[in-house]
Amino acid sequence: MSTKKMKIVMPCDEANHVCDKTQYKEATLWEKIILNIHLIYCRACRKYTKNNSKLTKKIKESKVECLDRKCKESMKKELNNAINQDSN
């Protein structure tokens, strides 16, 4: 009979992935708990998490506006036209 054991130890690459998921509010509660346990003993992942948090905060503060879909499509058409004219 096999029982599913709860995994408490998390490798660093998985911890970084969960950190990224947490940033986008995609991590489960269990993943967050295990990540926090991992961060207690892993200095490198604490630094990664700290830098990730800083980056997220700066991006939110930047008030960068992205182009809408119509503008992107228009630019793409203009670029393709320019490429086609150059190749002829």
PDB file of N, CA and C in Angstrom:
ATOM      1  N   MET A   1       0.849  -1.182   0.000  1.00  0.00           N
ATOM      2  CA  MET A   1       0.000   0.000   0.000  1.00  0.00           C
ATOM      3  C   MET A   1       0.892   1.241   0.000  1.00  0.00           C
ATOM      4  N   SER A   2       0.655   2.136  -0.947  1.00  0.00           N
ATOM      5  CA  SER A   2       1.485   3.340  -1.006  1.00  0.00           C
ATOM      6  C   SER A   2       0.705   4.534  -0.476  1.00  0.00           C
ATOM      7  N   THR A   3       1.373   5.305   0.320  1.00  0.00           N
ATOM      8  CA  THR A   3       0.763   6.531   0.833  1.00  0.00           C
ATOM      9  C   THR A   3       1.576   7.701   0.312  1.00  0.00           C
ATOM     10  N   LYS A   4       0.890   8.756   0.056  1.00  0.00           N
ATOM     11  CA  LYS A   4       1.556   9.950  -0.461  1.00  0.00           C
ATOM     12  C   LYS A   4       2.124  10.740   0.719  1.00  0.00           C
ATOM     13  N   LYS A   5       3.446  10.887   0.734  1.00  0.00           N
ATOM     14  CA  LYS A   5       4.092  11.648   1.801  1.00  0.00           C
ATOM     15  C   LYS A   5       4.157  13.118   1.411  1.00  0.00           C
ATOM     16  N   MET A   6       4.032  13.965   2.403  1.00  0.00           N
ATOM     17  CA  MET A   6       4.152  15.393   2.142  1.00  0.00           C
ATOM     18  C   MET A   6       5.631  15.747   2.081  1.00  0.00           C
ATOM     19  N   LYS A   7       6.005  16.431   1.024  1.00  0.00           N
ATOM     20  CA  LYS A   7       7.398  16.812   0.803  1.00  0.00           C
ATOM     21  C   LYS A   7       7.660  18.160   1.476  1.00  0.00           C
ATOM     22  N   ILE A   8       8.618  18.160   2.389  1.00  0.00           N
ATOM     23  CA  ILE A   8       8.927  19.397   3.108  1.00  0.00           C
ATOM     24  C   ILE A   8      10.188  20.052   2.574  1.00  0.00           C
ATOM     25  N   VAL A   9      11.105  19.257   2.030  1.00  0.00           N
ATOM     26  CA  VAL A   9      12.367  19.785   1.503  1.00  0.00           C
ATOM     27  C   VAL A   9      12.169  20.148   0.036  1.00  0.00           C
ATOM     28  N   MET A  10      12.675  21.301  -0.334  1.00  0.00           N
ATOM     29  CA  MET A  10      12.505  21.810  -1.697  1.00  0.00           C
ATOM     30  C   MET A  10      13.875  22.203  -2.247  1.00  0.00           C
ATOM     31  N   PRO A  11      14.240  21.725  -3.453  1.00  0.00           N
ATOM     32  CA  PRO A  11      15.512  22.152  -4.043  1.00  0.00           C
ATOM     33  C   PRO A  11      15.445  23.628  -4.459  1.00  0.00           C
ATOM     34  N   CYS A  12      16.601  24.242  -4.605  1.00  0.00           N
ATOM     35  CA  CYS A  12      16.670  25.677  -4.896  1.00  0.00           C
ATOM     36  C   CYS A  12      15.976  26.058  -6.203  1.00  0.00           C
ATOM     37  N   ASP A  13      16.129  25.254  -7.259  1.00  0.00           N
ATOM     38  CA  ASP A  13      15.493  25.622  -8.527  1.00  0.00           C
ATOM     39  C   ASP A  13      13.970  25.620  -8.391  1.00  0.00           C
ATOM     40  N   GLU A  14      13.446  24.697  -7.617  1.00  0.00           N
ATOM     41  CA  GLU A  14      11.997  24.676  -7.382  1.00  0.00           C
ATOM     42  C   GLU A  14      11.581  25.853  -6.500  1.00  0.00           C
ATOM     43  N   ALA A  15      12.409  26.184  -5.518  1.00  0.00           N
ATOM     44  CA  ALA A  15      12.115  27.323  -4.639  1.00  0.00           C
ATOM     45  C   ALA A  15      12.045  28.618  -5.455  1.00  0.00           C
ATOM     46  N   ASN A  16      12.975  28.777  -6.387  1.00  0.00           N
ATOM     47  CA  ASN A  16      12.958  29.977  -7.231  1.00  0.00           C
ATOM     48  C   ASN A  16      11.714  30.001  -8.114  1.00  0.00           C
ATOM     49  N   HIS A  17      11.308  28.835  -8.603  1.00  0.00           N
ATOM     50  CA  HIS A  17      10.097  28.757  -9.423  1.00  0.00           C
ATOM     51  C   HIS A  17       8.864  29.132  -8.600  1.00  0.00           C
ATOM     52  N   VAL A  18       8.786  28.629  -7.379  1.00  0.00           N
ATOM     53  CA  VAL A  18       7.653  28.962  -6.505  1.00  0.00           C
ATOM     54  C   VAL A  18       7.685  30.437  -6.144  1.00  0.00           C
ATOM     55  N   CYS A  19       8.875  30.987  -5.963  1.00  0.00           N
ATOM     56  CA  CYS A  19       9.008  32.423  -5.702  1.00  0.00           C
ATOM     57  C   CYS A  19       8.400  33.220  -6.853  1.00  0.00           C
ATOM     58  N   ASP A  20       8.720  32.810  -8.080  1.00  0.00           N
ATOM     59  CA  ASP A  20       8.157  33.480  -9.257  1.00  0.00           C
ATOM     60  C   ASP A  20       6.644  33.320  -9.301  1.00  0.00           C
ATOM     61  N   LYS A  21       6.157  32.115  -9.005  1.00  0.00           N
ATOM     62  CA  LYS A  21       4.710  31.876  -9.005  1.00  0.00           C
ATOM     63  C   LYS A  21       4.024  32.739  -7.944  1.00  0.00           C
ATOM     64  N   THR A  22       4.670  32.890  -6.794  1.00  0.00           N
ATOM     65  CA  THR A  22       4.109  33.710  -5.714  1.00  0.00           C
ATOM     66  C   THR A  22       3.991  35.159  -6.159  1.00  0.00           C
ATOM     67  N   GLN A  23       4.986  35.614  -6.897  1.00  0.00           N
ATOM     68  CA  GLN A  23       4.995  36.990  -7.399  1.00  0.00           C
ATOM     69  C   GLN A  23       3.752  37.260  -8.257  1.00  0.00           C
ATOM     70  N   TYR A  24       3.311  36.251  -9.015  1.00  0.00           N
ATOM     71  CA  TYR A  24       2.150  36.410  -9.892  1.00  0.00           C
ATOM     72  C   TYR A  24       0.883  35.812  -9.289  1.00  0.00           C
ATOM     73  N   LYS A  25       0.923  35.554  -7.982  1.00  0.00           N
ATOM     74  CA  LYS A  25      -0.224  35.027  -7.235  1.00  0.00           C
ATOM     75  C   LYS A  25      -0.739  33.708  -7.819  1.00  0.00           C
ATOM     76  N   GLU A  26       0.194  32.838  -8.223  1.00  0.00           N
ATOM     77  CA  GLU A  26      -0.150  31.541  -8.786  1.00  0.00           C
ATOM     78  C   GLU A  26       0.266  30.381  -7.890  1.00  0.00           C
ATOM     79  N   ALA A  27       0.961  30.642  -6.802  1.00  0.00           N
ATOM     80  CA  ALA A  27       1.437  29.583  -5.912  1.00  0.00           C
ATOM     81  C   ALA A  27       0.344  29.167  -4.947  1.00  0.00           C
ATOM     82  N   THR A  28       0.330  27.879  -4.634  1.00  0.00           N
ATOM     83  CA  THR A  28      -0.635  27.365  -3.655  1.00  0.00           C
ATOM     84  C   THR A  28      -0.153  27.706  -2.252  1.00  0.00           C
ATOM     85  N   LEU A  29      -1.044  27.573  -1.290  1.00  0.00           N
ATOM     86  CA  LEU A  29      -0.677  27.825   0.102  1.00  0.00           C
ATOM     87  C   LEU A  29       0.438  26.873   0.528  1.00  0.00           C
ATOM     88  N   TRP A  30       0.343  25.607   0.153  1.00  0.00           N
ATOM     89  CA  TRP A  30       1.369  24.623   0.518  1.00  0.00           C
ATOM     90  C   TRP A  30       2.727  25.008  -0.080  1.00  0.00           C
ATOM     91  N   GLU A  31       2.747  25.434  -1.329  1.00  0.00           N
ATOM     92  CA  GLU A  31       4.000  25.854  -1.956  1.00  0.00           C
ATOM     93  C   GLU A  31       4.619  27.030  -1.206  1.00  0.00           C
ATOM     94  N   LYS A  32       3.781  27.960  -0.786  1.00  0.00           N
ATOM     95  CA  LYS A  32       4.285  29.119  -0.043  1.00  0.00           C
ATOM     96  C   LYS A  32       4.863  28.708   1.302  1.00  0.00           C
ATOM     97  N   ILE A  33       4.209  27.761   1.959  1.00  0.00           N
ATOM     98  CA  ILE A  33       4.702  27.286   3.259  1.00  0.00           C
ATOM     99  C   ILE A  33       6.060  26.622   3.095  1.00  0.00           C
ATOM    100  N   ILE A  34       6.165  25.715   2.114  1.00  0.00           N
ATOM    101  CA  ILE A  34       7.424  25.016   1.881  1.00  0.00           C
ATOM    102  C   ILE A  34       8.519  26.005   1.452  1.00  0.00           C
ATOM    103  N   LEU A  35       8.160  26.983   0.637  1.00  0.00           N
ATOM    104  CA  LEU A  35       9.127  28.005   0.235  1.00  0.00           C
ATOM    105  C   LEU A  35       9.663  28.744   1.457  1.00  0.00           C
ATOM    106  N   ASN A  36       8.783  29.127   2.359  1.00  0.00           N
ATOM    107  CA  ASN A  36       9.224  29.858   3.551  1.00  0.00           C
ATOM    108  C   ASN A  36      10.121  29.002   4.435  1.00  0.00           C
ATOM    109  N   ILE A  37       9.852  27.709   4.521  1.00  0.00           N
ATOM    110  CA  ILE A  37      10.747  26.814   5.263  1.00  0.00           C
ATOM    111  C   ILE A  37      12.104  26.785   4.573  1.00  0.00           C
ATOM    112  N   HIS A  38      12.108  26.681   3.257  1.00  0.00           N
ATOM    113  CA  HIS A  38      13.361  26.656   2.492  1.00  0.00           C
ATOM    114  C   HIS A  38      14.145  27.956   2.714  1.00  0.00           C
ATOM    115  N   LEU A  39      13.454  29.069   2.734  1.00  0.00           N
ATOM    116  CA  LEU A  39      14.129  30.365   2.885  1.00  0.00           C
ATOM    117  C   LEU A  39      14.792  30.529   4.247  1.00  0.00           C
ATOM    118  N   ILE A  40      14.325  29.776   5.240  1.00  0.00           N
ATOM    119  CA  ILE A  40      14.934  29.849   6.573  1.00  0.00           C
ATOM    120  C   ILE A  40      16.397  29.422   6.518  1.00  0.00           C
ATOM    121  N   TYR A  41      16.695  28.396   5.719  1.00  0.00           N
ATOM    122  CA  TYR A  41      18.062  27.875   5.714  1.00  0.00           C
ATOM    123  C   TYR A  41      18.850  28.149   4.427  1.00  0.00           C
ATOM    124  N   CYS A  42      18.263  28.800   3.431  1.00  0.00           N
ATOM    125  CA  CYS A  42      18.973  29.012   2.174  1.00  0.00           C
ATOM    126  C   CYS A  42      19.173  30.505   1.901  1.00  0.00           C
ATOM    127  N   ARG A  43      20.402  30.952   2.090  1.00  0.00           N
ATOM    128  CA  ARG A  43      20.742  32.359   1.907  1.00  0.00           C
ATOM    129  C   ARG A  43      20.579  32.794   0.445  1.00  0.00           C
ATOM    130  N   ALA A  44      20.994  31.931  -0.495  1.00  0.00           N
ATOM    131  CA  ALA A  44      20.923  32.282  -1.923  1.00  0.00           C
ATOM    132  C   ALA A  44      19.470  32.512  -2.358  1.00  0.00           C
ATOM    133  N   CYS A  45      18.573  31.659  -1.910  1.00  0.00           N
ATOM    134  CA  CYS A  45      17.162  31.811  -2.292  1.00  0.00           C
ATOM    135  C   CYS A  45      16.510  32.999  -1.587  1.00  0.00           C
ATOM    136  N   ARG A  46      16.971  33.301  -0.371  1.00  0.00           N
ATOM    137  CA  ARG A  46      16.475  34.517   0.301  1.00  0.00           C
ATOM    138  C   ARG A  46      16.854  35.738  -0.513  1.00  0.00           C
ATOM    139  N   LYS A  47      18.093  35.747  -1.015  1.00  0.00           N
ATOM    140  CA  LYS A  47      18.547  36.873  -1.829  1.00  0.00           C
ATOM    141  C   LYS A  47      17.748  36.951  -3.128  1.00  0.00           C
ATOM    142  N   TYR A  48      17.513  35.802  -3.773  1.00  0.00           N
ATOM    143  CA  TYR A  48      16.717  35.756  -5.003  1.00  0.00           C
ATOM    144  C   TYR A  48      15.310  36.312  -4.741  1.00  0.00           C
ATOM    145  N   THR A  49      14.698  35.869  -3.647  1.00  0.00           N
ATOM    146  CA  THR A  49      13.350  36.322  -3.299  1.00  0.00           C
ATOM    147  C   THR A  49      13.330  37.820  -3.021  1.00  0.00           C
ATOM    148  N   LYS A  50      14.346  38.306  -2.304  1.00  0.00           N
ATOM    149  CA  LYS A  50      14.429  39.736  -1.991  1.00  0.00           C
ATOM    150  C   LYS A  50      14.557  40.554  -3.279  1.00  0.00           C
ATOM    151  N   ASN A  51      15.436  40.115  -4.181  1.00  0.00           N
ATOM    152  CA  ASN A  51      15.621  40.829  -5.450  1.00  0.00           C
ATOM    153  C   ASN A  51      14.368  40.768  -6.315  1.00  0.00           C
ATOM    154  N   ASN A  52      13.697  39.626  -6.298  1.00  0.00           N
ATOM    155  CA  ASN A  52      12.460  39.464  -7.050  1.00  0.00           C
ATOM    156  C   ASN A  52      11.392  40.445  -6.545  1.00  0.00           C
ATOM    157  N   SER A  53      11.316  40.566  -5.230  1.00  0.00           N
ATOM    158  CA  SER A  53      10.346  41.494  -4.624  1.00  0.00           C
ATOM    159  C   SER A  53      10.664  42.939  -4.995  1.00  0.00           C
ATOM    160  N   LYS A  54      11.949  43.294  -4.974  1.00  0.00           N
ATOM    161  CA  LYS A  54      12.361  44.655  -5.358  1.00  0.00           C
ATOM    162  C   LYS A  54      11.987  44.938  -6.809  1.00  0.00           C
ATOM    163  N   LEU A  55      12.253  43.968  -7.677  1.00  0.00           N
ATOM    164  CA  LEU A  55      11.943  44.131  -9.096  1.00  0.00           C
ATOM    165  C   LEU A  55      10.443  44.336  -9.302  1.00  0.00           C
ATOM    166  N   THR A  56       9.642  43.520  -8.648  1.00  0.00           N
ATOM    167  CA  THR A  56       8.185  43.640  -8.760  1.00  0.00           C
ATOM    168  C   THR A  56       7.723  45.017  -8.298  1.00  0.00           C
ATOM    169  N   LYS A  57       8.264  45.466  -7.172  1.00  0.00           N
ATOM    170  CA  LYS A  57       7.884  46.775  -6.632  1.00  0.00           C
ATOM    171  C   LYS A  57       8.258  47.897  -7.609  1.00  0.00           C
ATOM    172  N   LYS A  58       9.457  47.841  -8.168  1.00  0.00           N
ATOM    173  CA  LYS A  58       9.900  48.871  -9.103  1.00  0.00           C
ATOM    174  C   LYS A  58       9.059  48.882 -10.380  1.00  0.00           C
ATOM    175  N   ILE A  59       8.697  47.716 -10.859  1.00  0.00           N
ATOM    176  CA  ILE A  59       7.868  47.639 -12.071  1.00  0.00           C
ATOM    177  C   ILE A  59       6.500  48.253 -11.806  1.00  0.00           C
ATOM    178  N   LYS A  60       5.932  47.953 -10.634  1.00  0.00           N
ATOM    179  CA  LYS A  60       4.618  48.522 -10.293  1.00  0.00           C
ATOM    180  C   LYS A  60       4.695  50.041 -10.145  1.00  0.00           C
ATOM    181  N   GLU A  61       5.801  50.530  -9.603  1.00  0.00           N
ATOM    182  CA  GLU A  61       5.982  51.973  -9.413  1.00  0.00           C
ATOM    183  C   GLU A  61       6.280  52.704 -10.711  1.00  0.00           C
ATOM    184  N   SER A  62       6.768  52.001 -11.714  1.00  0.00           N
ATOM    185  CA  SER A  62       7.250  52.644 -12.937  1.00  0.00           C
ATOM    186  C   SER A  62       6.152  53.264 -13.789  1.00  0.00           C
ATOM    187  N   LYS A  63       4.950  52.777 -13.674  1.00  0.00           N
ATOM    188  CA  LYS A  63       3.805  53.278 -14.444  1.00  0.00           C
ATOM    189  C   LYS A  63       4.080  53.229 -15.949  1.00  0.00           C
ATOM    190  N   VAL A  64       4.732  52.164 -16.373  1.00  0.00           N
ATOM    191  CA  VAL A  64       5.016  51.951 -17.790  1.00  0.00           C
ATOM    192  C   VAL A  64       3.723  51.552 -18.483  1.00  0.00           C
ATOM    193  N   GLU A  65       3.450  52.164 -19.613  1.00  0.00           N
ATOM    194  CA  GLU A  65       2.256  51.825 -20.373  1.00  0.00           C
ATOM    195  C   GLU A  65       2.656  51.012 -21.594  1.00  0.00           C
ATOM    196  N   CYS A  66       1.957  49.924 -21.808  1.00  0.00           N
ATOM    197  CA  CYS A  66       2.239  49.064 -22.959  1.00  0.00           C
ATOM    198  C   CYS A  66       1.371  49.493 -24.141  1.00  0.00           C
ATOM    199  N   LEU A  67       1.852  49.163 -25.321  1.00  0.00           N
ATOM    200  CA  LEU A  67       1.080  49.454 -26.525  1.00  0.00           C
ATOM    201  C   LEU A  67      -0.134  48.533 -26.608  1.00  0.00           C
ATOM    202  N   ASP A  68      -1.227  49.056 -27.131  1.00  0.00           N
ATOM    203  CA  ASP A  68      -2.396  48.198 -27.310  1.00  0.00           C
ATOM    204  C   ASP A  68      -2.204  47.325 -28.554  1.00  0.00           C
ATOM    205  N   ARG A  69      -3.054  46.345 -28.710  1.00  0.00           N
ATOM    206  CA  ARG A  69      -2.933  45.357 -29.787  1.00  0.00           C
ATOM    207  C   ARG A  69      -2.958  46.008 -31.175  1.00  0.00           C
ATOM    208  N   LYS A  70      -3.855  46.995 -31.393  1.00  0.00           N
ATOM    209  CA  LYS A  70      -3.946  47.653 -32.699  1.00  0.00           C
ATOM    210  C   LYS A  70      -2.638  48.335 -33.074  1.00  0.00           C
ATOM    211  N   CYS A  71      -2.048  49.017 -32.121  1.00  0.00           N
ATOM    212  CA  CYS A  71      -0.793  49.732 -32.371  1.00  0.00           C
ATOM    213  C   CYS A  71       0.325  48.740 -32.696  1.00  0.00           C
ATOM    214  N   LYS A  72       0.371  47.628 -31.965  1.00  0.00           N
ATOM    215  CA  LYS A  72       1.391  46.609 -32.219  1.00  0.00           C
ATOM    216  C   LYS A  72       1.229  46.021 -33.615  1.00  0.00           C
ATOM    217  N   GLU A  73      -0.003  45.723 -33.989  1.00  0.00           N
ATOM    218  CA  GLU A  73      -0.261  45.162 -35.320  1.00  0.00           C
ATOM    219  C   GLU A  73       0.135  46.151 -36.420  1.00  0.00           C
ATOM    220  N   SER A  74      -0.171  47.428 -36.209  1.00  0.00           N
ATOM    221  CA  SER A  74       0.180  48.459 -37.169  1.00  0.00           C
ATOM    222  C   SER A  74       1.700  48.548 -37.339  1.00  0.00           C
ATOM    223  N   MET A  75       2.423  48.521 -36.222  1.00  0.00           N
ATOM    224  CA  MET A  75       3.880  48.565 -36.276  1.00  0.00           C
ATOM    225  C   MET A  75       4.440  47.336 -36.986  1.00  0.00           C
ATOM    226  N   LYS A  76       3.844  46.191 -36.734  1.00  0.00           N
ATOM    227  CA  LYS A  76       4.291  44.953 -37.368  1.00  0.00           C
ATOM    228  C   LYS A  76       4.109  45.015 -38.881  1.00  0.00           C
ATOM    229  N   LYS A  77       2.958  45.545 -39.314  1.00  0.00           N
ATOM    230  CA  LYS A  77       2.698  45.681 -40.751  1.00  0.00           C
ATOM    231  C   LYS A  77       3.699  46.639 -41.388  1.00  0.00           C
ATOM    232  N   GLU A  78       3.957  47.765 -40.716  1.00  0.00           N
ATOM    233  CA  GLU A  78       4.923  48.733 -41.240  1.00  0.00           C
ATOM    234  C   GLU A  78       6.319  48.121 -41.342  1.00  0.00           C
ATOM    235  N   LEU A  79       6.715  47.356 -40.356  1.00  0.00           N
ATOM    236  CA  LEU A  79       8.015  46.698 -40.364  1.00  0.00           C
ATOM    237  C   LEU A  79       8.091  45.695 -41.502  1.00  0.00           C
ATOM    238  N   ASN A  80       7.054  44.870 -41.658  1.00  0.00           N
ATOM    239  CA  ASN A  80       7.045  43.893 -42.750  1.00  0.00           C
ATOM    240  C   ASN A  80       7.089  44.579 -44.115  1.00  0.00           C
ATOM    241  N   ASN A  81       6.357  45.684 -44.266  1.00  0.00           N
ATOM    242  CA  ASN A  81       6.396  46.439 -45.522  1.00  0.00           C
ATOM    243  C   ASN A  81       7.796  46.971 -45.796  1.00  0.00           C
ATOM    244  N   ALA A  82       8.446  47.502 -44.768  1.00  0.00           N
ATOM    245  CA  ALA A  82       9.802  48.037 -44.925  1.00  0.00           C
ATOM    246  C   ALA A  82      10.774  46.923 -45.296  1.00  0.00           C
ATOM    247  N   ILE A  83      10.625  45.767 -44.679  1.00  0.00           N
ATOM    248  CA  ILE A  83      11.496  44.626 -44.990  1.00  0.00           C
ATOM    249  C   ILE A  83      11.277  44.180 -46.427  1.00  0.00           C
ATOM    250  N   ASN A  84      10.019  44.108 -46.837  1.00  0.00           N
ATOM    251  CA  ASN A  84       9.697  43.699 -48.211  1.00  0.00           C
ATOM    252  C   ASN A  84      10.249  44.691 -49.233  1.00  0.00           C
ATOM    253  N   GLN A  85      10.175  45.983 -48.943  1.00  0.00           N
ATOM    254  CA  GLN A  85      10.691  47.005 -49.867  1.00  0.00           C
ATOM    255  C   GLN A  85      12.208  46.908 -49.973  1.00  0.00           C
ATOM    256  N   ASP A  86      12.865  46.636 -48.859  1.00  0.00           N
ATOM    257  CA  ASP A  86      14.334  46.515 -48.860  1.00  0.00           C
ATOM    258  C   ASP A  86      14.793  45.286 -49.643  1.00  0.00           C
ATOM    259  N   SER A  87      14.037  44.226 -49.571  1.00  0.00           N
ATOM    260  CA  SER A  87      14.454  42.988 -50.246  1.00  0.00           C
ATOM    261  C   SER A  87      14.168  43.018 -51.756  1.00  0.00           C
ATOM    262  N   ASN A  88      13.360  43.956 -52.197  1.00  0.00           N
ATOM    263  CA  ASN A  88      13.058  44.065 -53.639  1.00  0.00           C
ATOM    264  C   ASN A  88      14.036  44.903 -54.364  1.00  0.00           C
TER     265      ASN A  88
END
